Amino acid sequence: MAPKIPKPRFLAVPSGPSSRPGFHPHRTLATGVSLPTEPTSPRSAIRRRETTFSDRINSGPSLQDFTSSQPQIRTALVGPAGKKKEITRLPSWLQTPIPNNTNYKAIKRDLRGLNLHTVCEEARCPNISDCWGGSDKSAATATIMLMGDTCTRGCRFCSVKTSKNPPPLDPHEPEHTAEALKRWGLGYVVLTSVDRDDLLDGGASHFAETIMKIKQKAPGMLVEALTGDYAGDLTMVERVAQSGLDVYAHNVETVEELTPMVRDRRAKFRQSLAVLKHAKICKPSLITKTSIMLGLGETEEQLRATLVELRANDVDVVTFGQYMRPTKQHMPVHSYVTPDVFELWRVRALEMGFLYCASGPLVRSSYKAGEAFIENVLKKRAREDENAWADSDIARGLRDGLLS
């Protein structure tokens, strides 16, 4: 026979306040305010105002929201029913055609055949259709990315693959790169690279070797090198600067105040300034260049201070472009800057003494119009140097010796 389970017993407690000794219905707390002991009259109670239609209007968007010069970020749902996803609608000035012409395919085929990478593809540049879609290969611009397609850093704006231990360098890459560029017959080429903090020299020797190979195969080709900061090792900066290049570029990317939130923690604003300054010291004839993204949340005062710092470090060229979020895993766009504002900063940069400034929503560090201008500047300098040499005492002495 199963044992009996005793039933719980409940004690009846009187409901009145006097049933609990020491109970004070109007007890005052140390951090509170004394409550009245007598109920207030209905007439003295504050009545809640009835909600009106004007309240609903006031809680909605204001006139400023419609008339503000800052464009609103619009979204839309795309895809089949049940599988729709939200995408960001870009302003009209940021929309570009999908690359699909013959010249684009030919350049891509050449790059794959030589196992070369471009920052145009890896960073999802919106200008790839324009730069690769010229009438022929010689009119095209492609920024070759050296040392593989995997970076050791993880900047929050960049879509290039990252890894602590990327694949080893391809020893044939300098030769293949020089051969491809000679085949295209370009007058101006841009080389860049991923950051390789896993290498002792950060890849500076590999970069310098590529530039020297290009100059051997195509002496008349102008070379721009967009390098990393080599972890602040200025000896590596000097190695690249003395390799025969014509333009030394290194991007500060954003203003100093936003650098920790935008770039990898190993990239520092002051470190980038030191790289640009040292490249100029090593070879004063170099054109130094940097690029800044807008739309990350920078203020006008911060941007102006950044330009002052760049000029103080003798930077010659600056470019401004709109930050565009590569994927949802990257930092969001704070604002879309209008073309008028880009033009305003272009004028301000030139007034501050920059040799050239390319500024626009679709402008990137490697920008075809900017490269054409710099190419003309370098050729003009070369002609001036030749004329100066022809007028020098040494040249006159040599001519007199040959004629006598």
Protein backbone atom coordinates (compact mmCIF):
# COMPACT_ATOMS: atom_id res chain seq x y z
CA MET A 1 0.00 0.00 0.00
CA ALA A 2 1.44 3.39 -1.09
CA PRO A 3 2.27 5.78 1.75
CA LYS A 4 0.00 8.75 2.19
CA ILE A 5 1.36 12.12 1.15
CA PRO A 6 0.52 14.75 3.74
CA LYS A 7 -1.50 17.64 2.36
CA PRO A 8 0.05 21.13 2.70
CA ARG A 9 -1.58 23.36 5.22
CA PHE A 10 -2.06 27.10 4.71
CA LEU A 11 -2.43 29.54 7.55
CA ALA A 12 -5.09 32.18 7.12
CA VAL A 13 -3.72 35.71 7.49
CA PRO A 14 -6.01 38.65 8.08
CA SER A 15 -5.99 41.09 5.18
CA GLY A 16 -6.05 44.31 7.20
CA PRO A 17 -2.93 46.41 7.69
CA SER A 18 -3.25 46.12 11.45
CA SER A 19 -2.63 42.35 11.22
CA ARG A 20 1.14 42.87 10.70
CA PRO A 21 2.97 44.35 13.68
CA GLY A 22 5.25 47.26 12.79
CA PHE A 23 3.56 47.82 9.42
CA HIS A 24 3.33 51.46 8.41
CA PRO A 25 1.29 52.08 5.28
CA HIS A 26 2.88 55.48 4.68
CA ARG A 27 6.50 54.68 5.52
CA THR A 28 9.09 57.17 4.24
CA LEU A 29 12.33 55.92 2.60
CA ALA A 30 15.69 57.64 3.05
CA THR A 31 15.97 58.37 -0.65
CA GLY A 32 12.30 59.04 -1.22
CA VAL A 33 9.80 61.83 -0.73
CA SER A 34 7.15 61.77 1.98
CA LEU A 35 3.78 60.73 0.67
CA PRO A 36 0.59 62.44 1.81
CA THR A 37 -1.31 60.57 4.49
CA GLU A 38 -4.68 61.70 3.24
CA PRO A 39 -6.05 60.97 -0.21
CA THR A 40 -6.13 63.90 -2.60
CA SER A 41 -9.41 65.21 -3.81
CA PRO A 42 -10.49 64.39 -7.38
CA ARG A 43 -10.58 68.11 -8.26
CA SER A 44 -6.88 68.64 -7.35
CA ALA A 45 -5.67 65.69 -9.45
CA ILE A 46 -3.89 66.65 -12.71
CA ARG A 47 -5.84 65.51 -15.71
CA ARG A 48 -3.91 64.02 -18.66
CA ARG A 49 -4.31 66.13 -21.79
CA GLU A 50 -6.06 64.36 -24.61
CA THR A 51 -3.91 63.44 -27.61
CA THR A 52 -4.64 65.61 -30.62
CA PHE A 53 -3.85 65.34 -34.31
CA SER A 54 -1.18 68.05 -33.97
CA ASP A 55 0.74 65.81 -31.56
CA ARG A 56 0.95 63.12 -34.22
CA ILE A 57 2.19 65.66 -36.75
CA ASN A 58 4.87 66.99 -34.37
CA SER A 59 6.20 63.50 -33.65
CA GLY A 60 6.79 62.84 -37.38
CA PRO A 61 9.57 64.09 -39.66
CA SER A 62 10.29 67.81 -39.64
CA LEU A 63 10.70 70.14 -42.59
CA GLN A 64 14.47 69.95 -42.15
CA ASP A 65 14.36 66.22 -42.84
CA PHE A 66 13.01 66.97 -46.31
CA THR A 67 15.08 70.05 -47.12
CA SER A 68 18.43 68.93 -45.68
CA SER A 69 21.29 68.80 -48.18
CA GLN A 70 22.37 65.43 -46.77
CA PRO A 71 20.83 62.68 -48.94
CA GLN A 72 18.95 59.95 -47.12
CA ILE A 73 20.16 56.37 -47.30
CA ARG A 74 17.39 54.42 -49.04
CA THR A 75 16.81 50.68 -48.91
CA ALA A 76 14.72 48.25 -50.93
CA LEU A 77 13.66 44.60 -50.79
CA VAL A 78 14.70 42.48 -53.77
CA GLY A 79 14.36 38.80 -54.64
CA PRO A 80 11.58 36.22 -54.99
CA ALA A 81 8.71 35.99 -52.55
CA GLY A 82 9.76 34.44 -49.27
CA LYS A 83 13.48 35.04 -49.98
CA LYS A 84 13.62 38.81 -50.19
CA LYS A 85 16.65 40.61 -48.82
CA GLU A 86 17.25 44.26 -48.05
CA ILE A 87 19.77 46.20 -50.14
CA THR A 88 20.92 49.81 -50.04
CA ARG A 89 19.83 52.01 -52.92
CA LEU A 90 22.78 54.14 -54.02
CA PRO A 91 22.32 57.76 -55.10
CA SER A 92 22.26 58.26 -58.87
CA TRP A 93 25.79 59.70 -58.96
CA LEU A 94 27.21 56.44 -57.51
CA GLN A 95 25.61 54.03 -59.98
CA THR A 96 27.99 52.56 -62.59
CA PRO A 97 27.51 50.10 -65.49
CA ILE A 98 28.26 46.39 -65.11
CA PRO A 99 31.61 45.57 -66.80
CA ASN A 100 31.05 43.23 -69.74
CA ASN A 101 32.88 44.51 -72.83
CA THR A 102 35.52 42.85 -74.98
CA ASN A 103 38.50 44.78 -73.65
CA TYR A 104 37.51 44.05 -70.03
CA LYS A 105 37.44 40.32 -70.76
CA ALA A 106 40.78 40.47 -72.61
CA ILE A 107 42.56 42.20 -69.72
CA LYS A 108 41.07 39.76 -67.24
CA ARG A 109 42.25 36.84 -69.39
CA ASP A 110 45.82 38.22 -69.50
CA LEU A 111 45.89 38.69 -65.74
CA ARG A 112 44.69 35.15 -65.06
CA GLY A 113 47.17 33.69 -67.54
CA LEU A 114 50.08 35.27 -65.65
CA ASN A 115 48.57 34.57 -62.20
CA LEU A 116 48.37 38.28 -61.38
CA HIS A 117 45.89 40.06 -59.10
CA THR A 118 44.42 43.56 -59.25
CA VAL A 119 43.07 45.73 -56.49
CA CYS A 120 40.32 46.66 -58.95
CA GLU A 121 38.79 43.20 -58.47
CA GLU A 122 39.82 42.41 -54.90
CA ALA A 123 38.57 45.73 -53.50
CA ARG A 124 35.45 45.72 -55.74
CA CYS A 125 36.24 49.10 -57.25
CA PRO A 126 33.18 50.73 -58.90
CA ASN A 127 35.37 52.19 -61.68
CA ILE A 128 36.50 48.85 -63.11
CA SER A 129 34.19 49.16 -66.12
CA ASP A 130 35.57 52.59 -66.99
CA CYS A 131 39.25 51.80 -66.32
CA TRP A 132 39.34 48.41 -68.06
CA GLY A 133 36.89 49.32 -70.80
CA GLY A 134 39.00 51.64 -72.92
CA SER A 135 39.19 51.41 -76.69
CA ASP A 136 42.33 49.29 -76.41
CA LYS A 137 44.63 47.90 -73.75
CA SER A 138 47.05 50.81 -73.96
CA ALA A 139 44.21 53.18 -73.00
CA ALA A 140 43.18 51.02 -70.04
CA THR A 141 44.27 51.40 -66.42
CA ALA A 142 44.69 48.45 -64.09
CA THR A 143 46.22 48.61 -60.64
CA ILE A 144 48.32 45.47 -60.14
CA MET A 145 48.24 44.07 -56.61
CA LEU A 146 51.50 42.38 -55.67
CA MET A 147 52.27 39.67 -53.11
CA GLY A 148 49.04 37.74 -53.50
CA ASP A 149 45.40 38.43 -52.72
CA THR A 150 45.48 37.87 -48.94
CA CYS A 151 46.33 40.61 -46.43
CA THR A 152 47.58 40.23 -42.86
CA ARG A 153 45.50 43.19 -41.70
CA GLY A 154 41.77 43.63 -41.34
CA CYS A 155 40.70 47.20 -42.01
CA ARG A 156 36.97 47.68 -41.49
CA PHE A 157 36.38 49.25 -44.91
CA CYS A 158 38.34 46.82 -47.11
CA SER A 159 37.05 43.65 -48.79
CA VAL A 160 40.45 42.07 -49.49
CA LYS A 161 40.82 38.63 -47.89
CA THR A 162 42.70 38.48 -44.58
CA SER A 163 44.82 35.84 -42.84
CA LYS A 164 47.57 35.71 -40.23
CA ASN A 165 49.53 33.30 -42.43
CA PRO A 166 48.96 34.06 -46.13
CA PRO A 167 50.58 31.93 -48.87
CA PRO A 168 54.30 32.51 -49.62
CA LEU A 169 55.35 35.05 -52.24
CA ASP A 170 55.55 34.01 -55.87
CA PRO A 171 59.24 34.48 -56.89
CA HIS A 172 58.20 34.81 -60.55
CA GLU A 173 55.71 37.62 -59.88
CA PRO A 174 58.11 40.55 -60.58
CA GLU A 175 59.03 39.09 -63.98
CA HIS A 176 55.44 38.23 -64.89
CA THR A 177 54.22 41.68 -63.89
CA ALA A 178 56.88 43.46 -65.94
CA GLU A 179 56.13 41.25 -68.95
CA ALA A 180 52.38 41.89 -68.79
CA LEU A 181 52.82 45.65 -68.54
CA LYS A 182 55.31 45.72 -71.41
CA ARG A 183 52.82 43.71 -73.50
CA TRP A 184 50.05 46.25 -72.81
CA GLY A 185 52.28 49.18 -73.72
CA LEU A 186 51.00 51.42 -70.92
CA GLY A 187 52.50 54.85 -70.34
CA TYR A 188 51.56 54.91 -66.63
CA VAL A 189 51.08 52.00 -64.25
CA VAL A 190 50.02 51.74 -60.61
CA LEU A 191 51.37 48.99 -58.37
CA THR A 192 49.98 48.26 -54.94
CA SER A 193 50.15 45.35 -52.53
CA VAL A 194 48.53 43.71 -49.57
CA ASP A 195 50.14 44.21 -46.16
CA ARG A 196 52.50 41.36 -45.32
CA ASP A 197 53.35 41.72 -41.63
CA ASP A 198 54.38 38.04 -41.68
CA LEU A 199 57.52 38.92 -43.70
CA LEU A 200 60.64 40.40 -42.12
CA ASP A 201 60.78 43.30 -44.57
CA GLY A 202 57.03 43.54 -45.11
CA GLY A 203 57.56 42.66 -48.77
CA ALA A 204 59.59 45.81 -49.56
CA SER A 205 62.29 43.88 -51.41
CA HIS A 206 59.68 42.11 -53.57
CA PHE A 207 58.05 45.45 -54.36
CA ALA A 208 61.37 47.10 -55.25
CA GLU A 209 62.39 44.17 -57.47
CA THR A 210 59.13 44.44 -59.43
CA ILE A 211 59.68 48.15 -60.07
CA MET A 212 63.25 47.54 -61.27
CA LYS A 213 62.09 44.77 -63.63
CA ILE A 214 59.47 47.09 -65.12
CA LYS A 215 62.01 49.85 -65.67
CA GLN A 216 64.36 47.35 -67.35
CA LYS A 217 61.70 46.15 -69.81
CA ALA A 218 59.98 49.51 -70.34
CA PRO A 219 62.29 52.41 -69.36
CA GLY A 220 59.79 55.04 -70.49
CA MET A 221 56.92 53.71 -68.37
CA LEU A 222 56.01 55.81 -65.34
CA VAL A 223 55.48 53.80 -62.17
CA GLU A 224 53.35 54.71 -59.16
CA ALA A 225 53.74 52.55 -56.05
CA LEU A 226 50.91 52.50 -53.51
CA THR A 227 52.59 50.88 -50.51
CA GLY A 228 51.75 49.91 -46.96
CA ASP A 229 53.41 51.43 -43.91
CA TYR A 230 55.87 48.53 -43.32
CA ALA A 231 54.99 48.73 -39.61
CA GLY A 232 56.80 52.06 -39.42
CA ASP A 233 60.16 50.68 -40.65
CA LEU A 234 61.49 53.65 -42.63
CA THR A 235 64.41 51.60 -43.96
CA MET A 236 61.90 49.60 -46.01
CA VAL A 237 60.25 52.82 -47.18
CA GLU A 238 63.64 54.01 -48.44
CA ARG A 239 64.24 50.72 -50.24
CA VAL A 240 61.07 51.17 -52.30
CA ALA A 241 61.56 54.92 -52.80
CA GLN A 242 65.04 54.34 -54.28
CA SER A 243 63.96 51.52 -56.63
CA GLY A 244 63.25 53.77 -59.61
CA LEU A 245 59.57 54.64 -59.16
CA ASP A 246 58.12 58.04 -60.05
CA VAL A 247 55.21 58.44 -57.60
CA TYR A 248 55.18 57.22 -54.00
CA ALA A 249 51.63 56.78 -52.68
CA HIS A 250 50.46 55.76 -49.23
CA ASN A 251 46.90 56.29 -48.05
CA VAL A 252 45.96 57.81 -44.71
CA GLU A 253 42.36 56.70 -45.58
CA THR A 254 40.58 58.96 -43.07
CA VAL A 255 41.08 61.69 -40.48
CA GLU A 256 43.18 61.00 -37.39
CA GLU A 257 40.18 60.90 -35.02
CA LEU A 258 38.49 58.07 -36.99
CA THR A 259 41.63 56.04 -37.75
CA PRO A 260 41.23 53.57 -34.82
CA MET A 261 37.65 52.79 -35.89
CA VAL A 262 38.31 52.58 -39.64
CA ARG A 263 41.77 51.04 -40.10
CA ASP A 264 43.48 48.01 -38.61
CA ARG A 265 44.87 48.66 -35.12
CA ARG A 266 48.43 48.40 -36.48
CA ALA A 267 47.84 51.28 -38.90
CA LYS A 268 48.28 54.70 -37.31
CA PHE A 269 47.76 58.16 -38.74
CA ARG A 270 51.11 59.53 -37.52
CA GLN A 271 52.88 56.46 -38.82
CA SER A 272 51.41 57.06 -42.27
CA LEU A 273 52.54 60.68 -42.22
CA ALA A 274 56.07 59.53 -41.37
CA VAL A 275 56.06 57.16 -44.38
CA LEU A 276 55.09 59.93 -46.80
CA LYS A 277 57.58 62.38 -45.32
CA HIS A 278 60.49 59.90 -45.41
CA ALA A 279 59.81 58.91 -49.03
CA LYS A 280 60.17 62.58 -49.99
CA ILE A 281 63.36 62.94 -47.97
CA CYS A 282 64.89 59.88 -49.65
CA LYS A 283 64.14 61.16 -53.15
CA PRO A 284 62.99 64.81 -53.33
CA SER A 285 61.99 64.48 -57.00
CA LEU A 286 59.30 61.93 -56.09
CA ILE A 287 55.67 62.97 -56.21
CA THR A 288 54.02 61.87 -52.95
CA LYS A 289 50.34 61.08 -52.91
CA THR A 290 47.60 60.01 -50.49
CA SER A 291 43.87 59.34 -50.50
CA ILE A 292 41.01 60.08 -48.09
CA MET A 293 37.53 58.52 -47.97
CA LEU A 294 34.53 60.71 -47.15
CA GLY A 295 31.24 59.58 -45.65
CA LEU A 296 32.73 57.88 -42.58
CA GLY A 297 31.53 60.49 -40.09
CA GLU A 298 34.38 62.99 -40.36
CA THR A 299 33.73 66.65 -39.61
CA GLU A 300 34.75 69.67 -41.66
CA GLU A 301 37.24 70.80 -39.01
CA GLN A 302 38.85 67.34 -38.86
CA LEU A 303 39.19 67.17 -42.63
CA ARG A 304 40.72 70.63 -42.84
CA ALA A 305 43.22 69.75 -40.09
CA THR A 306 44.16 66.58 -41.99
CA LEU A 307 44.96 68.56 -45.14
CA VAL A 308 47.11 70.95 -43.10
CA GLU A 309 49.06 67.98 -41.70
CA LEU A 310 49.58 66.52 -45.18
CA ARG A 311 50.93 69.78 -46.59
CA ALA A 312 53.19 70.16 -43.54
CA ASN A 313 54.72 66.80 -44.52
CA ASP A 314 55.19 67.89 -48.15
CA VAL A 315 52.53 65.65 -49.71
CA ASP A 316 51.94 66.71 -53.33
CA VAL A 317 48.69 65.01 -54.39
CA VAL A 318 45.50 64.15 -52.50
CA THR A 319 42.33 62.41 -53.70
CA PHE A 320 38.86 62.33 -52.15
CA GLY A 321 36.33 59.57 -52.78
CA GLN A 322 33.07 58.28 -51.31
CA TYR A 323 33.32 55.32 -48.93
CA MET A 324 31.11 52.51 -50.23
CA ARG A 325 30.38 49.54 -48.00
CA PRO A 326 31.63 46.35 -49.72
CA THR A 327 29.47 43.92 -47.70
CA LYS A 328 27.24 43.95 -44.62
CA GLN A 329 30.19 42.64 -42.60
CA HIS A 330 32.00 45.95 -43.10
CA MET A 331 31.43 49.26 -41.36
CA PRO A 332 28.27 51.07 -42.53
CA VAL A 333 28.22 54.27 -44.56
CA HIS A 334 27.65 57.27 -42.33
CA SER A 335 26.60 59.58 -45.15
CA TYR A 336 26.63 59.93 -48.94
CA VAL A 337 28.49 63.11 -49.83
CA THR A 338 27.13 65.10 -52.78
CA PRO A 339 29.27 66.01 -55.82
CA ASP A 340 29.07 69.70 -54.86
CA VAL A 341 30.80 69.01 -51.54
CA PHE A 342 33.52 67.01 -53.30
CA GLU A 343 34.13 69.94 -55.63
CA LEU A 344 34.34 72.27 -52.63
CA TRP A 345 37.13 70.17 -51.08
CA ARG A 346 38.96 69.97 -54.41
CA VAL A 347 39.11 73.76 -54.56
CA ARG A 348 40.18 74.01 -50.93
CA ALA A 349 42.98 71.47 -51.43
CA LEU A 350 44.38 73.39 -54.41
CA GLU A 351 44.20 76.64 -52.44
CA MET A 352 46.26 74.99 -49.69
CA GLY A 353 49.07 74.26 -52.15
CA PHE A 354 48.54 70.69 -53.35
CA LEU A 355 49.94 70.03 -56.82
CA TYR A 356 46.79 68.16 -57.84
CA CYS A 357 43.53 66.99 -56.28
CA ALA A 358 41.06 64.49 -57.73
CA SER A 359 37.78 64.73 -55.83
CA GLY A 360 34.48 63.01 -56.59
CA PRO A 361 32.13 60.27 -55.38
CA LEU A 362 33.74 57.60 -57.60
CA VAL A 363 37.33 58.79 -57.30
CA ARG A 364 39.73 56.22 -55.88
CA SER A 365 43.42 56.41 -55.03
CA SER A 366 44.28 54.95 -58.45
CA TYR A 367 42.22 57.28 -60.61
CA LYS A 368 42.69 57.49 -64.36
CA ALA A 369 42.20 61.26 -64.68
CA GLY A 370 44.66 61.89 -61.85
CA GLU A 371 47.21 59.56 -63.39
CA ALA A 372 46.99 61.44 -66.71
CA PHE A 373 47.69 64.73 -64.94
CA ILE A 374 50.62 63.32 -62.96
CA GLU A 375 52.02 61.74 -66.13
CA ASN A 376 52.06 65.15 -67.82
CA VAL A 377 53.72 66.74 -64.79
CA LEU A 378 56.47 64.09 -64.73
CA LYS A 379 57.11 64.41 -68.47
CA LYS A 380 57.31 68.19 -68.14
CA ARG A 381 59.82 67.84 -65.32
CA ALA A 382 61.88 65.44 -67.43
CA ARG A 383 61.99 67.95 -70.30
CA GLU A 384 63.02 70.72 -67.93
CA ASP A 385 65.82 68.55 -66.53
CA GLU A 386 67.05 67.81 -70.07
CA ASN A 387 67.04 71.49 -70.95
CA ALA A 388 68.85 72.36 -67.73
CA TRP A 389 71.47 69.74 -68.48
CA ALA A 390 71.90 71.04 -72.05
CA ASP A 391 72.52 74.55 -70.71
CA SER A 392 74.92 73.42 -67.98
CA ASP A 393 78.68 74.15 -68.05
CA ILE A 394 79.49 70.42 -68.19
CA ALA A 395 77.35 69.90 -71.28
CA ARG A 396 78.85 72.95 -72.99
CA GLY A 397 82.35 71.70 -72.16
CA LEU A 398 81.60 68.29 -73.63
CA ARG A 399 80.22 69.85 -76.81
CA ASP A 400 83.25 72.14 -77.15
CA GLY A 401 85.61 69.18 -76.66
CA LEU A 402 83.86 67.15 -79.37
CA LEU A 403 83.83 70.03 -81.82
CA SER A 404 87.52 70.94 -81.36
